[in-house]
């Protein structure tokens, strides 16, 4: 993966009962300070719904590159934040890196917030359908003497590459207002 590709991570922390106010205060202060670090593209916090049984806070952070993520994890601010909330949370944070389809729908500069899945599915369909309808017959004729499995590997690789670097970035830009409305 190229170092200049944006990286998005979800951090889930389970707050101890009765420690919610202290965690919220510490989280807000840290979020404000950490955004001043180089390579920060945004932060979005999802709190448990009032009255919900869950005490999980989900923090989505977006970084300009893998190097910015590494610098963030090594920063004094991040290490101090982890130490400060250790007594307010249960266990270690759970971290997930978004690297699949979900990362297509978070263009640089857009607010980091969950999008309706039906909208993501529709835009993905608009990107996948033309490619999977046009490319297999074209490559089937072009590489007719080759084994069908090899043709399928080349076609699938091209579909994935086109979706990742051309089609989905264009579609998310084109549908940005609708996706984020």
Protein backbone atom coordinates (compact mmCIF):
# COMPACT_ATOMS: atom_id res chain seq x y z
CA UNK A 1 0.00 0.00 0.00
CA UNK A 2 1.34 3.43 -0.90
CA UNK A 3 2.29 5.68 1.99
CA UNK A 4 0.36 8.61 0.46
CA UNK A 5 -3.01 6.81 0.56
CA UNK A 6 -5.35 8.06 3.33
CA UNK A 7 -5.93 5.62 6.19
CA UNK A 8 -9.12 5.40 8.27
CA UNK A 9 -9.33 3.60 11.62
CA UNK A 10 -12.15 2.86 14.08
CA UNK A 11 -11.19 2.75 17.75
CA UNK A 12 -13.73 1.23 20.14
CA UNK A 13 -13.44 1.85 23.88
CA UNK A 14 -15.77 0.45 26.53
CA UNK A 15 -16.22 2.98 29.33
CA UNK A 16 -16.62 1.77 32.92
CA UNK A 17 -20.04 2.46 34.48
CA UNK A 18 -20.11 5.89 36.11
CA UNK A 19 -17.00 7.10 34.26
CA UNK A 20 -18.80 8.46 31.20
CA UNK A 21 -18.50 12.17 32.10
CA UNK A 22 -14.76 11.93 32.80
CA UNK A 23 -14.18 9.95 29.62
CA UNK A 24 -16.19 12.43 27.54
CA UNK A 25 -14.19 15.35 28.96
CA UNK A 26 -10.83 13.67 28.35
CA UNK A 27 -11.90 12.53 24.87
CA UNK A 28 -13.05 16.01 23.84
CA UNK A 29 -9.83 17.66 25.05
CA UNK A 30 -7.66 15.05 23.35
CA UNK A 31 -9.58 15.22 20.06
CA UNK A 32 -9.10 19.00 19.92
CA UNK A 33 -5.35 18.81 20.65
CA UNK A 34 -4.67 15.84 18.37
CA UNK A 35 -6.19 17.48 15.29
CA UNK A 36 -3.28 19.95 15.31
CA UNK A 37 -0.84 17.11 14.54
CA UNK A 38 0.36 16.87 10.92
CA UNK A 39 -1.54 14.46 8.68
CA UNK A 40 -4.85 14.57 10.60
CA UNK A 41 -7.86 14.61 8.27
CA UNK A 42 -10.61 14.33 10.85
CA UNK A 43 -12.21 12.63 13.81
CA UNK A 44 -15.79 11.48 14.40
CA UNK A 45 -17.08 10.14 17.71
CA UNK A 46 -20.10 7.88 18.08
CA UNK A 47 -21.45 7.74 21.60
CA UNK A 48 -23.74 5.07 23.03
CA UNK A 49 -27.42 5.95 22.66
CA UNK A 50 -29.02 7.27 25.86
CA UNK A 51 -30.41 4.33 27.82
CA UNK A 52 -28.58 1.76 25.69
CA UNK A 53 -26.97 -1.24 27.34
CA UNK A 54 -23.74 -0.63 25.42
CA UNK A 55 -21.01 1.53 26.92
CA UNK A 56 -18.94 1.49 23.73
CA UNK A 57 -17.60 4.72 22.28
CA UNK A 58 -16.46 4.46 18.66
CA UNK A 59 -13.90 6.95 17.43
CA UNK A 60 -13.25 7.17 13.69
CA UNK A 61 -10.01 8.89 12.70
CA UNK A 62 -8.73 9.61 9.23
CA UNK A 63 -5.05 10.19 8.46
CA UNK A 64 -3.41 11.54 5.31
CA UNK A 65 -1.04 8.55 5.13
CA UNK A 66 0.26 5.49 6.92
CA UNK A 67 3.21 7.62 8.11
CA UNK A 68 0.78 10.12 9.70
CA UNK A 69 -0.97 7.24 11.49
CA UNK A 70 2.38 5.89 12.76
CA UNK A 71 3.41 9.37 13.96
CA UNK A 72 0.06 9.74 15.74
CA UNK A 73 0.50 6.40 17.55
CA UNK A 74 4.05 7.39 18.60
CA UNK A 75 3.09 10.91 19.72
CA UNK A 76 3.34 12.02 23.34
CA UNK A 77 -0.28 13.22 23.18
CA UNK A 78 -1.60 9.81 22.11
CA UNK A 79 0.45 7.91 24.69
CA UNK A 80 -0.65 10.33 27.44
CA UNK A 81 -4.31 10.01 26.33
CA UNK A 82 -4.15 6.21 26.54
CA UNK A 83 -2.70 6.43 30.04
CA UNK A 84 -5.24 9.06 31.15
CA UNK A 85 -8.28 6.97 30.13
CA UNK A 86 -6.94 3.59 31.27
CA UNK A 87 -8.75 3.95 34.60
CA UNK A 88 -11.97 5.07 32.87
CA UNK A 89 -12.22 2.20 30.37
CA UNK A 90 -12.36 -1.57 30.38
CA UNK A 91 -9.43 -3.29 28.70
CA UNK A 92 -7.44 -2.11 25.73
CA UNK A 93 -9.00 -0.23 22.81
CA UNK A 94 -10.16 -2.31 19.85
CA UNK A 95 -8.79 -0.90 16.59
CA UNK A 96 -10.07 -1.67 13.09
CA UNK A 97 -8.54 -0.26 9.94
CA UNK A 98 -11.02 0.54 7.17
CA UNK A 99 -9.49 -0.68 3.97
CA UNK A 100 -12.35 -2.06 1.94
CA UNK A 101 -15.42 -0.63 0.27
CA UNK A 102 -16.23 1.62 3.22
CA UNK A 103 -13.11 3.70 2.63
CA UNK A 104 -14.32 4.61 -0.89
CA UNK A 105 -17.15 6.64 0.61
CA UNK A 106 -15.05 8.95 2.78
CA UNK A 107 -13.52 11.43 0.33
CA UNK A 108 -10.81 13.75 1.61
CA UNK A 109 -12.31 16.76 3.31
CA UNK A 110 -15.72 15.15 3.84
CA UNK A 111 -17.09 14.90 7.35
CA UNK A 112 -16.36 11.51 8.85
CA UNK A 113 -19.73 9.97 9.63
CA UNK A 114 -21.48 6.72 8.80
CA UNK A 115 -23.43 6.77 5.55
CA UNK A 116 -26.64 4.88 4.80
CA UNK A 117 -25.69 1.41 3.59
CA UNK A 118 -28.31 1.46 0.86
CA UNK A 119 -26.68 4.56 -0.67
CA UNK A 120 -23.22 2.94 -0.56
CA UNK A 121 -24.67 -0.23 -2.13
CA UNK A 122 -26.34 1.72 -4.93
CA UNK A 123 -23.22 3.74 -5.81
CA UNK A 124 -21.11 0.56 -5.67
CA UNK A 125 -23.57 -1.14 -8.02
CA UNK A 126 -23.28 1.80 -10.43
CA UNK A 127 -19.51 1.30 -10.46
CA UNK A 128 -19.39 -2.49 -10.57
CA UNK A 129 -22.17 -3.27 -13.08
CA UNK A 130 -20.72 -1.54 -16.16
CA UNK A 131 -17.25 -2.93 -15.51
CA UNK A 132 -18.43 -6.51 -14.99
CA UNK A 133 -20.74 -6.27 -18.01
CA UNK A 134 -18.22 -4.80 -20.47
CA UNK A 135 -14.80 -6.13 -19.50
CA UNK A 136 -15.36 -9.93 -19.42
CA UNK A 137 -16.70 -10.19 -23.00
CA UNK A 138 -14.00 -7.81 -24.25
CA UNK A 139 -11.13 -9.73 -22.63
CA UNK A 140 -12.77 -13.05 -23.55
CA UNK A 141 -12.51 -12.13 -27.24
CA UNK A 142 -9.14 -10.40 -26.92
CA UNK A 143 -7.45 -13.29 -25.11
CA UNK A 144 -9.54 -16.14 -26.58
CA UNK A 145 -6.59 -18.54 -26.92
CA UNK A 146 -5.78 -18.27 -23.20
CA UNK A 147 -7.29 -20.41 -20.47
CA UNK A 148 -10.63 -18.98 -19.17
CA UNK A 149 -9.28 -18.95 -15.60
CA UNK A 150 -6.38 -16.72 -16.64
CA UNK A 151 -8.77 -14.39 -18.49
CA UNK A 152 -10.95 -14.23 -15.36
CA UNK A 153 -7.93 -13.39 -13.16
CA UNK A 154 -6.86 -10.56 -15.49
CA UNK A 155 -10.42 -9.24 -15.77
CA UNK A 156 -11.06 -9.36 -12.02
CA UNK A 157 -7.74 -7.65 -11.29
CA UNK A 158 -8.57 -4.88 -13.75
CA UNK A 159 -12.08 -4.43 -12.32
CA UNK A 160 -10.69 -4.12 -8.78
CA UNK A 161 -7.97 -1.67 -9.87
CA UNK A 162 -10.41 0.48 -11.86
CA UNK A 163 -12.89 0.54 -8.96
CA UNK A 164 -10.25 1.43 -6.39
CA UNK A 165 -8.34 4.16 -8.23
CA UNK A 166 -10.69 5.55 -10.87
CA UNK A 167 -14.38 4.59 -10.80
CA UNK A 168 -15.25 4.84 -7.10
CA UNK A 169 -13.31 8.08 -6.49
CA UNK A 170 -15.16 9.62 -9.47
CA UNK A 171 -18.55 8.28 -8.36
CA UNK A 172 -18.11 9.40 -4.75
CA UNK A 173 -17.14 12.86 -5.96
CA UNK A 174 -20.10 12.97 -8.36
CA UNK A 175 -22.62 11.73 -5.74
CA UNK A 176 -20.98 13.46 -2.75
CA UNK A 177 -23.87 15.80 -1.94
CA UNK A 178 -26.42 12.99 -2.21
CA UNK A 179 -24.28 10.53 -0.21
CA UNK A 180 -23.65 12.99 2.61
CA UNK A 181 -27.09 14.63 2.70
